[in-house]
Amino acid sequence: MAVPLNAATRELQPFHLAFPVTSLEQARAFYGELLGCPEGRSSEHWVDFDFFGHQIVAHLAPQQATPHRNTVDGDDVPVPHFGVVLDMDAWEALAARLRAAGCDFVIAPHIRFRGQPGEQATMFLLDPCGNALEFKAFADRSQLFAT
C-alpha cells in the first residue's frame, strides 16, 4: 500500500519544469543574472538553471503563446505561470532587487488575501520571452494550502 503524500509525511522534492523561450541569451540574462539562478548544463537549444533548488530548463522555441488571465483577489493573474514560495525576508530582498533593476511588474509586489486564510506576499513579472513568473511568501508558511 502506498503512503499518502501530505504535508505531514512528505519531504519536499525539487521539481523540474521545461518552458519555451525565444532567446537563450535573454533567458541567461534574466534567470542567471537578474534572478541569480546558477546555470547548469546547456546546449545550443536549451539551458538548465537552479531555480531556488529546482531544475528549470529554458528550451529555444521561436513561437510563444500569449498567456490567459484569471482574476485572483482583484489581480489579473497570467496563466500559465510558475514560480517559487520564498521565506518573507528572501521575498522582500528579491522585490527590492527587481524594483532597483527597473523591472516592469505584471502585478507589483503586494499582500494578497490580507487578513484571510492564505494571506501572502506576491508579485508577478514576465521574463524577456513572455513567460509569467510568480514569487510569493507567507508570514506563516502553514497557510500555503489554507482553505
Protein backbone atom coordinates (compact mmCIF):
# COMPACT_ATOMS: atom_id res chain seq x y z
CA MET A 1 0.00 0.00 0.00
CA ALA A 2 1.36 3.40 -0.96
CA VAL A 3 1.91 6.00 1.75
CA PRO A 4 -0.23 9.11 1.07
CA LEU A 5 1.72 12.25 0.26
CA ASN A 6 0.67 15.09 2.51
CA ALA A 7 2.35 17.83 4.48
CA ALA A 8 2.88 15.53 7.47
CA THR A 9 4.52 12.64 5.58
CA ARG A 10 6.39 14.02 2.59
CA GLU A 11 9.76 15.57 2.08
CA LEU A 12 9.68 18.40 -0.44
CA GLN A 13 11.29 17.24 -3.66
CA PRO A 14 12.76 19.50 -6.35
CA PHE A 15 10.50 19.94 -9.34
CA HIS A 16 11.55 20.03 -13.00
CA LEU A 17 9.97 22.43 -15.46
CA ALA A 18 10.83 22.84 -19.14
CA PHE A 19 9.49 26.02 -20.73
CA PRO A 20 9.83 27.81 -24.07
CA VAL A 21 12.00 30.88 -24.68
CA THR A 22 12.65 32.84 -27.86
CA SER A 23 16.26 33.66 -26.89
CA LEU A 24 18.71 31.70 -24.74
CA GLU A 25 20.82 34.86 -24.37
CA GLN A 26 17.86 36.74 -22.88
CA ALA A 27 17.00 33.73 -20.69
CA ARG A 28 20.56 33.67 -19.34
CA ALA A 29 20.45 37.41 -18.62
CA PHE A 30 17.08 37.18 -16.84
CA TYR A 31 17.36 33.89 -14.91
CA GLY A 32 21.13 33.83 -14.45
CA GLU A 33 22.00 37.49 -13.95
CA LEU A 34 18.83 39.24 -12.70
CA LEU A 35 17.37 36.41 -10.59
CA GLY A 36 20.78 34.94 -9.67
CA CYS A 37 19.97 31.36 -10.68
CA PRO A 38 23.15 29.34 -11.31
CA GLU A 39 23.39 27.80 -14.77
CA GLY A 40 23.77 24.05 -15.19
CA ARG A 41 24.11 22.01 -18.37
CA SER A 42 23.29 23.56 -21.72
CA SER A 43 23.40 23.16 -25.47
CA GLU A 44 22.64 25.46 -28.39
CA HIS A 45 18.93 24.63 -27.88
CA TRP A 46 18.41 24.66 -24.10
CA VAL A 47 19.90 25.71 -20.75
CA ASP A 48 19.32 24.40 -17.20
CA PHE A 49 19.02 26.75 -14.23
CA ASP A 50 18.98 26.10 -10.48
CA PHE A 51 15.72 27.94 -9.67
CA PHE A 52 15.84 28.13 -5.86
CA GLY A 53 16.74 24.44 -5.63
CA HIS A 54 14.52 23.34 -8.52
CA GLN A 55 15.54 22.47 -12.07
CA ILE A 56 14.07 24.64 -14.78
CA VAL A 57 15.10 24.30 -18.41
CA ALA A 58 14.73 27.09 -20.95
CA HIS A 59 14.15 25.47 -24.36
CA LEU A 60 14.58 27.53 -27.50
CA ALA A 61 11.16 27.76 -29.18
CA PRO A 62 10.56 30.63 -31.61
CA GLN A 63 6.78 30.77 -31.14
CA GLN A 64 5.33 31.84 -27.78
CA ALA A 65 1.60 31.92 -26.99
CA THR A 66 0.01 34.88 -25.20
CA PRO A 67 -0.96 33.98 -21.63
CA HIS A 68 -4.56 33.89 -20.49
CA ARG A 69 -5.65 35.94 -17.43
CA ASN A 70 -7.81 34.98 -14.41
CA THR A 71 -8.90 37.22 -11.55
CA VAL A 72 -7.46 36.28 -8.13
CA ASP A 73 -8.27 38.59 -5.19
CA GLY A 74 -8.66 41.51 -7.59
CA ASP A 75 -5.45 40.83 -9.56
CA ASP A 76 -5.41 39.93 -13.26
CA VAL A 77 -3.19 36.83 -12.96
CA PRO A 78 -1.45 35.48 -16.08
CA VAL A 79 -1.99 31.78 -16.84
CA PRO A 80 0.14 29.79 -17.25
CA HIS A 81 2.77 30.92 -14.77
CA PHE A 82 5.33 29.34 -12.47
CA GLY A 83 7.37 30.49 -9.53
CA VAL A 84 8.56 29.71 -6.06
CA VAL A 85 7.45 30.25 -2.48
CA LEU A 86 10.23 32.07 -0.62
CA ASP A 87 10.58 33.00 3.02
CA MET A 88 9.44 36.57 3.66
CA ASP A 89 12.95 38.05 4.01
CA ALA A 90 14.07 36.50 0.71
CA TRP A 91 10.85 37.68 -1.00
CA GLU A 92 11.36 41.24 0.25
CA ALA A 93 15.02 41.20 -0.88
CA LEU A 94 14.04 39.91 -4.33
CA ALA A 95 11.28 42.53 -4.65
CA ALA A 96 13.77 45.25 -3.75
CA ARG A 97 16.34 43.91 -6.25
CA LEU A 98 13.74 43.76 -9.04
CA ARG A 99 12.47 47.28 -8.27
CA ALA A 100 16.06 48.61 -8.25
CA ALA A 101 16.63 46.96 -11.64
CA GLY A 102 13.58 48.81 -13.01
CA CYS A 103 11.55 45.64 -13.52
CA ASP A 104 8.14 46.07 -15.15
CA PHE A 105 5.83 44.02 -12.96
CA VAL A 106 2.68 42.42 -14.33
CA ILE A 107 1.43 42.62 -10.74
CA ALA A 108 3.53 44.75 -8.39
CA PRO A 109 4.68 43.33 -5.04
CA HIS A 110 1.86 43.43 -2.50
CA ILE A 111 -0.07 41.40 0.08
CA ARG A 112 -2.93 39.26 -1.25
CA PHE A 113 -5.82 37.88 0.86
CA ARG A 114 -4.92 40.33 3.66
CA GLY A 115 -6.42 39.19 6.98
CA GLN A 116 -7.78 35.98 5.42
CA PRO A 117 -6.60 32.36 5.39
CA GLY A 118 -3.72 32.08 2.93
CA GLU A 119 -2.55 35.70 3.30
CA GLN A 120 0.56 36.03 1.16
CA ALA A 121 3.03 38.43 -0.39
CA THR A 122 3.02 38.11 -4.17
CA MET A 123 4.48 39.63 -7.31
CA PHE A 124 4.32 38.71 -11.00
CA LEU A 125 6.66 39.52 -13.85
CA LEU A 126 7.40 38.31 -17.34
CA ASP A 127 10.76 37.02 -18.48
CA PRO A 128 12.08 38.56 -21.72
CA CYS A 129 10.38 35.79 -23.72
CA GLY A 130 6.91 36.35 -22.22
CA ASN A 131 6.82 33.56 -19.60
CA ALA A 132 4.95 34.66 -16.47
CA LEU A 133 6.55 34.10 -13.04
CA GLU A 134 5.06 34.50 -9.58
CA PHE A 135 7.11 34.85 -6.43
CA LYS A 136 5.24 34.57 -3.15
CA ALA A 137 5.87 34.34 0.57
CA PHE A 138 3.80 33.67 3.67
CA ALA A 139 4.35 35.19 7.10
CA ASP A 140 3.05 31.77 8.26
CA ARG A 141 4.11 29.04 5.79
CA SER A 142 1.48 26.71 7.26
CA GLN A 143 -1.05 28.87 5.34
CA LEU A 144 0.28 27.63 1.96
CA PHE A 145 -2.69 25.29 1.47
CA ALA A 146 -5.19 27.11 3.72
CA THR A 147 -8.83 26.88 2.73
